[in-house]
PDB file of N, CA and C in Angstrom:
ATOM      1  N   MET A   1    -192.014 123.116  48.134  1.00  0.00           N
ATOM      2  CA  MET A   1    -191.126 122.435  47.285  1.00  0.00           C
ATOM      3  C   MET A   1    -189.990 123.049  46.666  1.00  0.00           C
ATOM      4  N   ILE A   2    -190.538 124.315  46.032  1.00  0.00           N
ATOM      5  CA  ILE A   2    -189.414 125.005  45.254  1.00  0.00           C
ATOM      6  C   ILE A   2    -188.081 125.517  46.304  1.00  0.00           C
ATOM      7  N   PRO A   3    -188.521 125.870  47.699  1.00  0.00           N
ATOM      8  CA  PRO A   3    -187.345 126.290  48.251  1.00  0.00           C
ATOM      9  C   PRO A   3    -186.503 125.054  48.807  1.00  0.00           C
ATOM     10  N   LEU A   4    -187.123 124.058  48.966  1.00  0.00           N
ATOM     11  CA  LEU A   4    -186.312 122.907  49.031  1.00  0.00           C
ATOM     12  C   LEU A   4    -185.297 122.342  47.770  1.00  0.00           C
ATOM     13  N   LEU A   5    -185.719 122.572  46.534  1.00  0.00           N
ATOM     14  CA  LEU A   5    -185.009 122.259  45.632  1.00  0.00           C
ATOM     15  C   LEU A   5    -183.781 123.511  45.456  1.00  0.00           C
ATOM     16  N   LEU A   6    -184.276 124.648  45.914  1.00  0.00           N
ATOM     17  CA  LEU A   6    -183.193 125.653  45.704  1.00  0.00           C
ATOM     18  C   LEU A   6    -181.919 125.349  46.692  1.00  0.00           C
ATOM     19  N   VAL A   7    -182.217 125.058  47.839  1.00  0.00           N
ATOM     20  CA  VAL A   7    -181.287 124.593  48.928  1.00  0.00           C
ATOM     21  C   VAL A   7    -180.561 123.392  48.609  1.00  0.00           C
ATOM     22  N   LEU A   8    -181.155 122.596  48.213  1.00  0.00           N
ATOM     23  CA  LEU A   8    -180.321 121.469  47.393  1.00  0.00           C
ATOM     24  C   LEU A   8    -179.433 121.787  46.425  1.00  0.00           C
ATOM     25  N   LEU A   9    -179.883 122.769  45.401  1.00  0.00           N
ATOM     26  CA  LEU A   9    -179.086 123.174  44.263  1.00  0.00           C
ATOM     27  C   LEU A   9    -177.803 124.217  45.055  1.00  0.00           C
ATOM     28  N   LEU A  10    -178.065 124.880  45.967  1.00  0.00           N
ATOM     29  CA  LEU A  10    -177.104 125.720  46.416  1.00  0.00           C
ATOM     30  C   LEU A  10    -176.215 124.865  46.978  1.00  0.00           C
ATOM     31  N   ALA A  11    -176.542 123.610  47.661  1.00  0.00           N
ATOM     32  CA  ALA A  11    -175.503 122.705  48.322  1.00  0.00           C
ATOM     33  C   ALA A  11    -174.667 122.247  47.333  1.00  0.00           C
ATOM     34  N   LEU A  12    -175.151 121.774  46.156  1.00  0.00           N
ATOM     35  CA  LEU A  12    -174.618 121.062  45.006  1.00  0.00           C
ATOM     36  C   LEU A  12    -173.689 122.261  44.401  1.00  0.00           C
ATOM     37  N   VAL A  13    -173.908 123.249  44.185  1.00  0.00           N
ATOM     38  CA  VAL A  13    -173.029 124.332  43.559  1.00  0.00           C
ATOM     39  C   VAL A  13    -171.794 124.543  44.711  1.00  0.00           C
ATOM     40  N   LEU A  14    -172.299 124.633  45.832  1.00  0.00           N
ATOM     41  CA  LEU A  14    -170.959 124.940  46.743  1.00  0.00           C
ATOM     42  C   LEU A  14    -170.231 123.850  46.854  1.00  0.00           C
ATOM     43  N   PHE A  15    -170.727 122.514  46.827  1.00  0.00           N
ATOM     44  CA  PHE A  15    -169.694 121.211  46.994  1.00  0.00           C
ATOM     45  C   PHE A  15    -168.991 121.475  45.655  1.00  0.00           C
ATOM     46  N   GLY A  16    -169.598 121.565  44.502  1.00  0.00           N
ATOM     47  CA  GLY A  16    -168.744 121.861  43.125  1.00  0.00           C
ATOM     48  C   GLY A  16    -167.646 122.834  43.166  1.00  0.00           C
ATOM     49  N   ALA A  17    -168.045 124.065  43.870  1.00  0.00           N
ATOM     50  CA  ALA A  17    -166.832 124.901  43.738  1.00  0.00           C
ATOM     51  C   ALA A  17    -165.898 124.685  44.741  1.00  0.00           C
ATOM     52  N   GLY A  18    -166.342 123.995  45.916  1.00  0.00           N
ATOM     53  CA  GLY A  18    -165.575 123.676  47.132  1.00  0.00           C
ATOM     54  C   GLY A  18    -164.346 122.862  46.760  1.00  0.00           C
ATOM     55  N   PHE A  19    -164.330 122.143  45.511  1.00  0.00           N
ATOM     56  CA  PHE A  19    -163.094 121.243  45.404  1.00  0.00           C
ATOM     57  C   PHE A  19    -162.056 122.379  44.931  1.00  0.00           C
ATOM     58  N   ALA A  20    -162.335 123.576  44.461  1.00  0.00           N
ATOM     59  CA  ALA A  20    -161.550 124.698  44.045  1.00  0.00           C
ATOM     60  C   ALA A  20    -161.261 125.235  45.117  1.00  0.00           C
ATOM     61  N   LEU A  21    -162.219 125.777  45.905  1.00  0.00           N
ATOM     62  CA  LEU A  21    -161.945 126.681  47.100  1.00  0.00           C
ATOM     63  C   LEU A  21    -162.356 125.834  48.476  1.00  0.00           C
ATOM     64  N   HIS A  22    -161.187 125.586  49.398  1.00  0.00           N
ATOM     65  CA  HIS A  22    -161.441 124.703  50.485  1.00  0.00           C
ATOM     66  C   HIS A  22    -162.642 125.517  51.437  1.00  0.00           C
ATOM     67  N   VAL A  23    -162.744 126.606  51.518  1.00  0.00           N
ATOM     68  CA  VAL A  23    -163.561 127.337  52.394  1.00  0.00           C
ATOM     69  C   VAL A  23    -165.146 127.033  52.016  1.00  0.00           C
ATOM     70  N   LEU A  24    -165.065 127.241  50.948  1.00  0.00           N
ATOM     71  CA  LEU A  24    -166.794 126.873  50.167  1.00  0.00           C
ATOM     72  C   LEU A  24    -167.155 125.329  50.556  1.00  0.00           C
ATOM     73  N   TRP A  25    -166.320 124.466  50.433  1.00  0.00           N
ATOM     74  CA  TRP A  25    -166.602 123.284  50.927  1.00  0.00           C
ATOM     75  C   TRP A  25    -167.142 123.040  52.312  1.00  0.00           C
ATOM     76  N   TRP A  26    -166.558 123.531  53.314  1.00  0.00           N
ATOM     77  CA  TRP A  26    -166.960 123.935  54.543  1.00  0.00           C
ATOM     78  C   TRP A  26    -168.295 124.504  54.784  1.00  0.00           C
ATOM     79  N   VAL A  27    -168.420 125.517  53.829  1.00  0.00           N
ATOM     80  CA  VAL A  27    -169.717 126.367  53.972  1.00  0.00           C
ATOM     81  C   VAL A  27    -170.839 125.233  53.447  1.00  0.00           C
ATOM     82  N   ALA A  28    -170.537 124.664  52.346  1.00  0.00           N
ATOM     83  CA  ALA A  28    -171.562 123.551  51.917  1.00  0.00           C
ATOM     84  C   ALA A  28    -171.954 122.596  52.967  1.00  0.00           C
ATOM     85  N   LEU A  29    -170.837 122.348  53.599  1.00  0.00           N
ATOM     86  CA  LEU A  29    -171.160 121.179  54.519  1.00  0.00           C
ATOM     87  C   LEU A  29    -171.954 121.741  55.464  1.00  0.00           C
ATOM     88  N   ALA A  30    -171.611 122.972  56.256  1.00  0.00           N
ATOM     89  CA  ALA A  30    -172.644 123.573  57.207  1.00  0.00           C
ATOM     90  C   ALA A  30    -173.994 123.721  56.481  1.00  0.00           C
ATOM     91  N   VAL A  31    -174.251 123.996  55.227  1.00  0.00           N
ATOM     92  CA  VAL A  31    -175.632 124.282  54.665  1.00  0.00           C
ATOM     93  C   VAL A  31    -176.236 122.913  54.732  1.00  0.00           C
ATOM     94  N   LEU A  32    -175.457 122.132  54.445  1.00  0.00           N
ATOM     95  CA  LEU A  32    -176.420 120.441  54.198  1.00  0.00           C
ATOM     96  C   LEU A  32    -176.965 119.977  55.541  1.00  0.00           C
ATOM     97  N   VAL A  33    -175.855 120.204  56.589  1.00  0.00           N
ATOM     98  CA  VAL A  33    -176.146 119.903  57.616  1.00  0.00           C
ATOM     99  C   VAL A  33    -177.254 120.723  58.511  1.00  0.00           C
ATOM    100  N   LEU A  34    -177.473 121.925  58.131  1.00  0.00           N
ATOM    101  CA  LEU A  34    -178.571 122.728  58.557  1.00  0.00           C
ATOM    102  C   LEU A  34    -179.622 122.288  57.973  1.00  0.00           C
ATOM    103  N   TRP A  35    -179.643 122.173  56.767  1.00  0.00           N
ATOM    104  CA  TRP A  35    -181.054 121.515  55.828  1.00  0.00           C
ATOM    105  C   TRP A  35    -181.421 120.576  56.584  1.00  0.00           C
ATOM    106  N   LEU A  36    -180.329 119.304  56.925  1.00  0.00           N
ATOM    107  CA  LEU A  36    -180.868 118.091  57.243  1.00  0.00           C
ATOM    108  C   LEU A  36    -181.455 118.260  58.722  1.00  0.00           C
ATOM    109  N   VAL A  37    -180.895 119.115  59.752  1.00  0.00           N
ATOM    110  CA  VAL A  37    -181.450 119.347  60.959  1.00  0.00           C
ATOM    111  C   VAL A  37    -182.870 119.997  60.831  1.00  0.00           C
ATOM    112  N   GLY A  38    -183.434 121.002  59.898  1.00  0.00           N
ATOM    113  CA  GLY A  38    -184.352 121.432  59.710  1.00  0.00           C
ATOM    114  C   GLY A  38    -185.315 120.561  59.174  1.00  0.00           C
ATOM    115  N   PHE A  39    -184.763 119.701  58.268  1.00  0.00           N
ATOM    116  CA  PHE A  39    -185.668 118.721  57.777  1.00  0.00           C
ATOM    117  C   PHE A  39    -186.346 117.826  58.734  1.00  0.00           C
ATOM    118  N   VAL A  40    -185.458 117.368  59.718  1.00  0.00           N
ATOM    119  CA  VAL A  40    -185.582 116.319  60.637  1.00  0.00           C
ATOM    120  C   VAL A  40    -186.848 117.150  61.747  1.00  0.00           C
ATOM    121  N   ALA A  41    -186.420 118.427  62.001  1.00  0.00           N
ATOM    122  CA  ALA A  41    -187.213 119.225  62.987  1.00  0.00           C
ATOM    123  C   ALA A  41    -188.512 119.355  62.544  1.00  0.00           C
ATOM    124  N   ARG A  42    -188.527 119.617  61.057  1.00  0.00           N
ATOM    125  CA  ARG A  42    -189.934 119.918  60.398  1.00  0.00           C
ATOM    126  C   ARG A  42    -190.618 118.243  60.482  1.00  0.00           C
ATOM    127  N   GLY A  43    -190.024 117.372  59.970  1.00  0.00           N
ATOM    128  CA  GLY A  43    -190.718 116.212  60.091  1.00  0.00           C
ATOM    129  C   GLY A  43    -191.200 115.619  61.610  1.00  0.00           C
ATOM    130  N   ALA A  44    -190.534 115.992  62.550  1.00  0.00           N
ATOM    131  CA  ALA A  44    -190.917 115.822  64.119  1.00  0.00           C
ATOM    132  C   ALA A  44    -191.969 116.317  64.565  1.00  0.00           C
ATOM    133  N   GLY A  45    -192.314 117.826  63.696  1.00  0.00           N
ATOM    134  CA  GLY A  45    -193.269 118.678  64.277  1.00  0.00           C
ATOM    135  C   GLY A  45    -194.670 118.279  63.931  1.00  0.00           C
ATOM    136  N   GLY A  46    -194.911 117.069  63.229  1.00  0.00           N
ATOM    137  CA  GLY A  46    -196.160 116.760  62.978  1.00  0.00           C
ATOM    138  C   GLY A  46    -196.806 116.501  61.595  1.00  0.00           C
ATOM    139  N   GLY A  47    -195.756 116.851  60.537  1.00  0.00           N
ATOM    140  CA  GLY A  47    -196.030 116.485  59.242  1.00  0.00           C
ATOM    141  C   GLY A  47    -196.337 118.015  58.401  1.00  0.00           C
ATOM    142  N   ARG A  48    -196.833 117.430  57.083  1.00  0.00           N
ATOM    143  CA  ARG A  48    -196.962 118.757  56.389  1.00  0.00           C
ATOM    144  C   ARG A  48    -198.032 119.549  56.703  1.00  0.00           C
ATOM    145  N   THR A  49    -198.028 120.708  56.436  1.00  0.00           N
ATOM    146  CA  THR A  49    -199.369 121.981  56.526  1.00  0.00           C
ATOM    147  C   THR A  49    -199.793 122.265  55.239  1.00  0.00           C
ATOM    148  N   ARG A  50    -201.093 121.987  54.757  1.00  0.00           N
ATOM    149  CA  ARG A  50    -201.383 122.563  53.527  1.00  0.00           C
ATOM    150  C   ARG A  50    -202.240 123.935  53.409  1.00  0.00           C
TER     151      ARG A  50
END
């Protein structure tokens, strides 16, 4: 759960800074897409492992 929150926080920070720096906006968008792909791939893998 902690890594998930860290990735979301990183994406939010990059999006916030991205309004000042256009390059960071694209990096933040790439991070968000990679996170979504990983989330979907993990969800399709059979669920959570405890």
